Each structure stands twice: as structure tokens, then as C-alpha cells.
Amino acid sequence: MRILVIGGSGLIGRQLVPHLLAQGHDVVVLSRGNRTIEGAGAQHVRADRRDALAVSRAVEGTFDALIDNVAYAPEDARSVLTALEGRIGHYVLTSTAFVHPALDAGPAGPSAPLRERDAPPATLPADGRDASPHGRYVQGKRLLEARLYEDCRQLGLPLTIVRPAPQIMGPYTEDGRFAWFWLRAQDGGPIWLPTDARLHAGPCQVAFSGDVARILAAAAATPPRTCAVHNAAQPELWSYEEYLGLMAEILGRTADVRYATRDALDRSPFAVEGVYRLPLPYRVALEVSSVTDRLAFAWTPMRTWMALTGDWVSRYYEDRQEPWYRLRPQELAWPGP
């Protein structure tokens, strides 16, 4: 196929483009040119996606599929549809599981995994009252899905929406959410968790960036009649202790998980500015059978993707001292409350 990728240099794109090339596709990457594109053989064209005229001039020919990793609001997709009208055979959007209205609150008790049909694009809420950066992001994605669905329906353009889990792990993950735990498991010292984490110990679920990239590629090759929506998250569900235990096992160590109250941790000598921050995953499960069944997809085992991610993290942070790890010596010496 001939595939246009928008967002080929980020967390997902850096694995997507080489994967598409390895499959033998002709790949064109559109970006503003701020980052290097991974994968020898991809054509790189530069333009601002919101400038329809610039995109129309920069991008030549027709495409079997467009994979859009960096659309965050309706106008992002509208400008591309305007620029490339009649030249795209299938629109594949990387969205987010945050569009599910129930996700942020989390389950209050026993619950079933969130299914794609629990949040169909045409009925996503248009409430924009949350002015926080996260709230604006979620609102933008909801409106994007809803309006792109309507635009593609009017154009007769097949649309596939892929919704990765809230936390995406993998090589090139520079936000520290995986590294926070991995570096502590790697040094073999105690890992302190707040006692209330026991009440919210699972089920936890993340997305592996390599699998998200392969799902996008598989989706591009499987255009629906009108619209398809797929959750993208690893099928394994786990608790924090299982998560840390597997990390330590991969490193040839034993996880030393300890608990203290949040107040005690905030008053500890290793709290940054009086707050002990740690990136606890969302405890919401996503149903992922549509990817397995409709795309005949085989997931990367948790041990495998965790080892790949950990190897990258160990190398990336070898010469970096992050605020969330700078006080680790005090943490190692702390006897507890």
C-alpha cells in the first residue's frame, strides 16, 4: 500500500514507520520537520497540517490509507481532509481511551471492561467545562472523533479509530511513568507506595507502543465499510505488586515493596517540595477482543515489552538525573514512619 503518516517521529511513529517499511509499504511522512524520522526509505515532506494549501502542495499523489497520530481537535482533521479530498482511501486515527466518559472516575466496585461501543464516536459528550490541560485534551479528542466520523460519513471515506490505553509504555517513553518504577527496581532498594494503593491495586492495564504501532498498521490494511473503533491495550491485567515483581524478576532481583500513609510519605526526606509523587496507572480495564478478532492480532507478552522498555530506560537515564529520582539516596536510607 501507499500510506501517509502524520506524526512519524513521536512515541508511536518511531516504531510505526519502520514497521510499515518492513512490511513493504510505500511510506510518506508529513510533519513540520522538527524531528528526525526513523526508518530508511520513508519519504519525508514538510508542512503545517493546519495549513490546507501547504499540505496540498507538499503531498503528492493518492494514498490507500492515512494514519494520523497527532490530531487533537476537529480542525486538525478538517484541514487534512480539505487538502487531500479524494486522495485518501481510508482514514486511521490514533485517539485515546480517555474519550470514555467513565474512565477518569474509575470503577466504584465490580465492573466489566470498557467496550468500544460504550463510547461510540457519534454520541461522545460535547461538554467543555473542564479548563485544565487534561480536560481540554480529552474534550478535543471527543469532538475530533465525533466530527471526523460525520465528515468521513459524508465523504464516503472509511474511518478506523484506535484508542490506546491512558498510559503508553515502550522505548522512547520519556515521561518517566515507567522509568520511575524501573530505576527503583533496578537499584534493588525499597519501593514505597501509599497505603491507599492497596485499595486501588488493580486491575491495571497499559498499552505497549510497539503493539499500538502494529495495530495501526493492521487497521490500515483492513478498511471497514464505514467506521471501526478498536481499544488498544495489553490484555494482561495486574496489580502494582505484580508489576514491580515482574520488573525485579527481569532485572534478576526481588522487589522490596513497602507501604506508608500518604501523609508520612509527603513528610519524608525524599518528597519533592513536600509531595511524594508517583505515577500510579489508571485502574480501568479495556476490552480488546476486537483487535484480536477483527485484525487477527497477536499481542506482545508483558515480560517481553517490559524487558524491551526497561533496556531502553536503563540506557536513556544512565546520564540523566530526574527530580523524581534525585532524592533516591534519602529514600534508600529512610527507615519508614
Protein backbone atom coordinates (compact mmCIF):
# COMPACT_ATOMS: atom_id res chain seq x y z
CA MET A 1 0.00 0.00 0.00
CA ARG A 2 0.93 3.66 -0.23
CA ILE A 3 0.47 5.13 3.26
CA LEU A 4 0.67 8.70 4.53
CA VAL A 5 1.69 9.03 8.19
CA ILE A 6 1.15 12.24 10.14
CA GLY A 7 3.17 12.08 13.35
CA GLY A 8 6.04 9.78 12.40
CA SER A 9 8.64 10.96 14.91
CA GLY A 10 6.93 10.50 18.29
CA LEU A 11 6.50 7.60 20.68
CA ILE A 12 4.29 5.58 18.32
CA GLY A 13 5.53 6.95 15.00
CA ARG A 14 9.14 5.98 15.64
CA GLN A 15 8.02 2.35 15.72
CA LEU A 16 5.21 2.61 13.18
CA VAL A 17 7.24 3.91 10.23
CA PRO A 18 9.97 1.21 10.36
CA HIS A 19 7.25 -1.45 10.78
CA LEU A 20 5.35 -0.23 7.71
CA LEU A 21 8.55 -0.15 5.67
CA ALA A 22 9.43 -3.68 6.80
CA GLN A 23 6.03 -4.80 5.50
CA GLY A 24 6.91 -3.42 2.09
CA HIS A 25 4.64 -0.37 2.06
CA ASP A 26 5.47 2.92 0.36
CA VAL A 27 5.52 5.39 3.28
CA VAL A 28 5.29 9.18 3.18
CA VAL A 29 5.62 11.07 6.48
CA LEU A 30 4.16 14.55 6.87
CA SER A 31 5.50 16.78 9.65
CA ARG A 32 6.70 20.29 10.33
CA GLY A 33 10.25 18.93 10.23
CA ASN A 34 11.17 19.43 13.87
CA ARG A 35 12.38 15.84 14.46
CA THR A 36 14.27 13.14 12.61
CA ILE A 37 12.13 10.41 11.04
CA GLU A 38 13.14 6.83 11.88
CA GLY A 39 13.25 4.28 9.07
CA ALA A 40 15.38 4.46 5.94
CA GLY A 41 13.20 4.56 2.86
CA ALA A 42 10.35 6.77 4.06
CA GLN A 43 9.73 9.97 2.14
CA HIS A 44 9.59 13.00 4.43
CA VAL A 45 7.55 16.04 3.38
CA ARG A 46 7.32 19.18 5.49
CA ALA A 47 4.23 21.29 6.05
CA ASP A 48 2.00 22.54 8.87
CA ARG A 49 -1.01 20.21 8.91
CA ARG A 50 -3.40 23.08 9.71
CA ASP A 51 -2.40 24.88 6.51
CA ALA A 52 -4.53 23.05 3.93
CA LEU A 53 -2.91 24.80 0.97
CA ALA A 54 0.61 23.96 2.19
CA VAL A 55 -0.36 20.31 2.75
CA SER A 56 -1.96 20.08 -0.69
CA ARG A 57 1.21 21.41 -2.31
CA ALA A 58 3.64 19.32 -0.24
CA VAL A 59 1.87 15.96 -0.51
CA GLU A 60 1.68 14.42 -3.97
CA GLY A 61 -0.42 11.57 -5.28
CA THR A 62 -3.04 9.34 -3.68
CA PHE A 63 -2.89 7.05 -0.66
CA ASP A 64 -4.53 3.77 0.28
CA ALA A 65 -4.53 4.93 3.91
CA LEU A 66 -3.72 7.91 6.10
CA ILE A 67 -2.54 7.13 9.65
CA ASP A 68 -2.95 10.24 11.79
CA ASN A 69 -1.12 10.10 15.12
CA VAL A 70 -1.24 13.77 16.08
CA ALA A 71 -4.75 15.09 15.55
CA TYR A 72 -6.05 16.64 18.77
CA ALA A 73 -9.02 18.73 17.65
CA PRO A 74 -11.59 18.75 14.81
CA GLU A 75 -9.73 21.42 12.85
CA ASP A 76 -6.65 19.17 12.70
CA ALA A 77 -8.55 16.56 10.70
CA ARG A 78 -10.68 19.05 8.77
CA SER A 79 -7.63 20.77 7.26
CA VAL A 80 -6.18 17.43 6.10
CA LEU A 81 -9.50 16.27 4.65
CA THR A 82 -9.77 19.57 2.79
CA ALA A 83 -6.21 19.38 1.47
CA LEU A 84 -6.39 15.73 0.39
CA GLU A 85 -10.03 15.30 -0.55
CA GLY A 86 -10.42 12.42 -3.00
CA ARG A 87 -6.81 11.30 -2.45
CA ILE A 88 -7.24 9.15 0.69
CA GLY A 89 -8.75 5.67 0.65
CA HIS A 90 -9.02 5.12 4.43
CA TYR A 91 -8.53 7.41 7.47
CA VAL A 92 -6.93 5.78 10.53
CA LEU A 93 -6.97 7.97 13.66
CA THR A 94 -4.94 7.48 16.83
CA SER A 95 -7.32 8.69 19.53
CA THR A 96 -7.32 7.84 23.26
CA ALA A 97 -9.28 5.71 25.71
CA PHE A 98 -9.84 8.92 27.69
CA VAL A 99 -12.84 9.59 25.44
CA HIS A 100 -14.76 7.03 27.53
CA PRO A 101 -16.79 9.24 29.92
CA ALA A 102 -16.41 6.73 32.78
CA LEU A 103 -12.65 6.35 32.59
CA ASP A 104 -11.42 9.25 34.70
CA ALA A 105 -13.67 8.39 37.65
CA GLY A 106 -12.67 4.73 37.71
CA PRO A 107 -14.93 1.91 38.86
CA ALA A 108 -16.57 2.25 42.26
CA GLY A 109 -16.90 -1.52 42.54
CA PRO A 110 -17.07 -4.65 40.41
CA SER A 111 -17.30 -3.69 36.76
CA ALA A 112 -16.89 -5.02 33.25
CA PRO A 113 -14.11 -3.85 30.90
CA LEU A 114 -14.93 -0.78 28.83
CA ARG A 115 -16.01 -1.74 25.32
CA GLU A 116 -15.72 0.35 22.19
CA ARG A 117 -19.49 0.52 21.84
CA ASP A 118 -19.72 2.09 25.30
CA ALA A 119 -18.49 5.33 23.70
CA PRO A 120 -19.49 5.44 20.01
CA PRO A 121 -17.99 8.46 18.19
CA ALA A 122 -21.37 9.85 17.15
CA THR A 123 -22.59 10.15 20.76
CA LEU A 124 -19.50 11.37 22.65
CA PRO A 125 -20.32 14.22 25.08
CA ALA A 126 -19.57 17.75 23.93
CA ASP A 127 -19.21 19.19 27.44
CA GLY A 128 -16.21 21.52 27.57
CA ARG A 129 -16.39 22.86 31.11
CA ASP A 130 -13.06 21.38 32.30
CA ALA A 131 -10.45 24.04 31.54
CA SER A 132 -7.43 22.01 32.74
CA PRO A 133 -4.86 20.90 30.13
CA HIS A 134 -6.03 17.29 30.52
CA GLY A 135 -9.68 18.34 30.28
CA ARG A 136 -9.02 20.29 27.08
CA TYR A 137 -7.13 17.33 25.64
CA VAL A 138 -9.99 14.90 26.34
CA GLN A 139 -12.60 17.34 25.07
CA GLY A 140 -10.61 17.92 21.90
CA LYS A 141 -10.34 14.18 21.23
CA ARG A 142 -14.06 13.64 21.80
CA LEU A 143 -15.02 16.41 19.42
CA LEU A 144 -12.41 15.20 16.94
CA GLU A 145 -13.84 11.67 16.88
CA ALA A 146 -17.43 12.88 16.58
CA ARG A 147 -16.82 15.38 13.78
CA LEU A 148 -14.37 13.19 11.89
CA TYR A 149 -16.94 10.41 11.99
CA GLU A 150 -19.55 12.73 10.47
CA ASP A 151 -17.13 14.18 7.89
CA CYS A 152 -15.97 10.74 6.76
CA ARG A 153 -19.57 9.53 6.57
CA GLN A 154 -20.50 12.43 4.31
CA LEU A 155 -17.43 11.83 2.12
CA GLY A 156 -17.96 8.07 1.98
CA LEU A 157 -14.47 7.63 3.44
CA PRO A 158 -13.84 4.56 5.67
CA LEU A 159 -12.72 5.56 9.17
CA THR A 160 -10.90 3.50 11.79
CA ILE A 161 -10.37 4.89 15.29
CA VAL A 162 -7.74 3.31 17.57
CA ARG A 163 -7.95 4.21 21.27
CA PRO A 164 -4.77 3.39 23.21
CA ALA A 165 -4.92 2.94 26.99
CA PRO A 166 -4.20 6.07 29.07
CA GLN A 167 -0.61 5.03 29.74
CA ILE A 168 1.55 4.03 26.76
CA MET A 169 4.83 2.31 27.57
CA GLY A 170 7.74 1.41 25.34
CA PRO A 171 11.11 2.59 24.07
CA TYR A 172 11.26 6.38 23.66
CA THR A 173 8.82 6.84 26.58
CA GLU A 174 10.41 9.96 28.08
CA ASP A 175 7.64 10.94 30.50
CA GLY A 176 9.07 8.89 33.39
CA ARG A 177 5.96 6.87 34.23
CA PHE A 178 7.65 3.54 33.54
CA ALA A 179 11.13 4.75 34.48
CA TRP A 180 10.00 5.89 37.95
CA PHE A 181 9.39 2.26 38.92
CA TRP A 182 12.05 0.61 36.74
CA LEU A 183 15.00 2.58 38.15
CA ARG A 184 13.90 1.80 41.71
CA ALA A 185 13.55 -1.89 40.91
CA GLN A 186 16.94 -1.74 39.20
CA ASP A 187 18.80 -0.38 42.22
CA GLY A 188 17.27 -3.09 44.42
CA GLY A 189 16.20 -0.77 47.23
CA PRO A 190 12.77 -0.39 48.83
CA ILE A 191 9.92 1.00 46.77
CA TRP A 192 7.46 2.98 48.88
CA LEU A 193 3.80 3.05 47.94
CA PRO A 194 0.97 4.85 49.76
CA THR A 195 -1.20 2.53 51.86
CA ASP A 196 -4.32 3.57 49.95
CA ALA A 197 -2.73 1.98 46.87
CA ARG A 198 -3.77 -1.33 48.41
CA LEU A 199 -7.39 -0.27 47.91
CA HIS A 200 -6.72 0.61 44.28
CA ALA A 201 -4.33 -2.20 43.42
CA GLY A 202 -5.94 -3.23 40.16
CA PRO A 203 -6.84 -4.18 37.64
CA CYS A 204 -4.23 -2.05 35.88
CA GLN A 205 -3.59 -2.08 32.15
CA VAL A 206 -1.27 -0.17 29.82
CA ALA A 207 -0.57 -0.04 26.09
CA PHE A 208 2.77 -1.06 24.59
CA SER A 209 3.79 1.46 21.93
CA GLY A 210 5.12 -1.28 19.66
CA ASP A 211 1.75 -3.02 19.70
CA VAL A 212 -0.13 0.24 19.12
CA ALA A 213 2.06 0.79 16.05
CA ARG A 214 1.34 -2.72 14.74
CA ILE A 215 -2.40 -2.31 15.43
CA LEU A 216 -2.42 0.90 13.37
CA ALA A 217 -0.66 -0.91 10.52
CA ALA A 218 -3.11 -3.83 10.71
CA ALA A 219 -6.06 -1.42 10.82
CA ALA A 220 -4.75 0.45 7.76
CA ALA A 221 -4.81 -2.83 5.84
CA THR A 222 -8.36 -3.62 6.99
CA PRO A 223 -10.67 -0.76 5.98
CA PRO A 224 -14.22 -1.04 7.34
CA ARG A 225 -17.33 -0.38 5.31
CA THR A 226 -17.98 2.80 7.29
CA CYS A 227 -16.37 3.08 10.75
CA ALA A 228 -14.49 0.75 13.10
CA VAL A 229 -13.28 1.50 16.64
CA HIS A 230 -10.62 -0.51 18.47
CA ASN A 231 -9.33 -0.27 22.03
CA ALA A 232 -5.56 -0.76 22.17
CA ALA A 233 -4.23 -2.08 25.49
CA GLN A 234 -2.22 -5.09 26.58
CA PRO A 235 -4.55 -7.95 27.55
CA GLU A 236 -2.73 -8.64 30.84
CA LEU A 237 -4.26 -7.15 33.99
CA TRP A 238 -2.08 -6.70 37.06
CA SER A 239 -1.65 -5.12 40.48
CA TYR A 240 1.19 -2.78 41.47
CA GLU A 241 2.99 -5.56 43.33
CA GLU A 242 2.75 -7.86 40.30
CA TYR A 243 4.03 -5.02 38.09
CA LEU A 244 7.01 -4.33 40.34
CA GLY A 245 7.62 -8.02 40.92
CA LEU A 246 7.94 -8.69 37.19
CA MET A 247 10.27 -5.73 36.75
CA ALA A 248 12.52 -7.01 39.52
CA GLU A 249 12.43 -10.56 38.15
CA ILE A 250 13.55 -9.33 34.71
CA LEU A 251 16.40 -7.49 36.43
CA GLY A 252 17.37 -10.57 38.44
CA ARG A 253 16.25 -9.01 41.72
CA THR A 254 13.44 -9.27 44.26
CA ALA A 255 11.01 -6.36 44.61
CA ASP A 256 11.03 -4.78 48.08
CA VAL A 257 7.62 -3.09 48.14
CA ARG A 258 6.76 -1.19 51.33
CA TYR A 259 3.76 0.89 52.37
CA ALA A 260 3.29 4.09 54.38
CA THR A 261 0.49 6.64 54.64
CA ARG A 262 0.45 9.45 52.11
CA ASP A 263 0.97 11.94 54.93
CA ALA A 264 4.10 10.10 56.10
CA LEU A 265 5.46 9.91 52.56
CA ASP A 266 4.78 13.62 51.98
CA ARG A 267 6.76 14.40 55.15
CA SER A 268 9.61 12.07 54.22
CA PRO A 269 13.09 13.43 53.33
CA PHE A 270 12.68 12.29 49.73
CA ALA A 271 9.39 14.05 48.97
CA VAL A 272 9.88 16.72 46.30
CA GLU A 273 8.56 20.07 47.56
CA GLY A 274 6.57 18.29 50.25
CA VAL A 275 4.79 15.84 47.93
CA TYR A 276 5.72 12.22 47.23
CA ARG A 277 4.60 11.88 43.63
CA LEU A 278 4.47 8.56 41.85
CA PRO A 279 2.77 7.65 38.57
CA LEU A 280 0.16 5.10 39.57
CA PRO A 281 -1.65 3.69 36.49
CA TYR A 282 -5.38 4.03 35.91
CA ARG A 283 -7.22 1.03 37.33
CA VAL A 284 -9.65 0.65 34.46
CA ALA A 285 -9.75 -2.33 32.12
CA LEU A 286 -10.43 -2.06 28.39
CA GLU A 287 -11.99 -4.83 26.32
CA VAL A 288 -9.55 -5.61 23.50
CA SER A 289 -11.14 -8.56 21.72
CA SER A 290 -11.99 -6.52 18.60
CA VAL A 291 -8.28 -6.15 17.83
CA THR A 292 -7.68 -9.86 18.41
CA ASP A 293 -10.72 -10.98 16.41
CA ARG A 294 -11.16 -8.44 13.62
CA LEU A 295 -7.48 -7.71 12.97
CA ALA A 296 -6.16 -11.22 13.84
CA PHE A 297 -3.65 -9.50 16.11
CA ALA A 298 -1.09 -11.26 18.33
CA TRP A 299 -0.12 -9.27 21.43
CA THR A 300 3.44 -8.87 22.70
CA PRO A 301 3.72 -10.65 26.09
CA MET A 302 4.12 -8.36 29.10
CA ARG A 303 7.52 -9.79 30.03
CA THR A 304 8.81 -9.09 26.51
CA TRP A 305 7.63 -5.49 26.17
CA MET A 306 8.68 -4.70 29.74
CA ALA A 307 12.20 -6.00 29.09
CA LEU A 308 12.45 -4.01 25.84
CA THR A 309 11.22 -0.85 27.55
CA GLY A 310 13.44 -1.37 30.58
CA ASP A 311 16.54 -1.82 28.43
CA TRP A 312 15.85 1.49 26.71
CA VAL A 313 15.10 3.23 30.03
CA SER A 314 18.36 1.99 31.61
CA ARG A 315 20.36 3.44 28.71
CA TYR A 316 18.37 6.66 28.39
CA TYR A 317 18.59 7.56 32.08
CA GLU A 318 22.21 6.47 32.56
CA ASP A 319 23.45 10.07 32.37
CA ARG A 320 20.25 11.83 33.44
CA GLN A 321 19.21 12.84 36.95
CA GLU A 322 15.47 13.44 37.12
CA PRO A 323 13.78 15.29 40.04
CA TRP A 324 11.73 12.19 40.88
CA TYR A 325 14.93 10.14 41.35
CA ARG A 326 17.39 12.76 42.63
CA LEU A 327 16.46 12.13 46.28
CA ARG A 328 16.69 8.35 45.94
CA PRO A 329 19.68 8.17 48.40
CA GLN A 330 17.46 9.66 51.13
CA GLU A 331 14.73 7.22 50.18
CA LEU A 332 17.12 4.27 50.47
CA ALA A 333 18.19 5.42 53.93
CA TRP A 334 14.69 6.12 55.26
CA PRO A 335 13.68 3.59 57.96
CA GLY A 336 9.99 4.26 57.48
CA PRO A 337 7.43 6.17 59.58
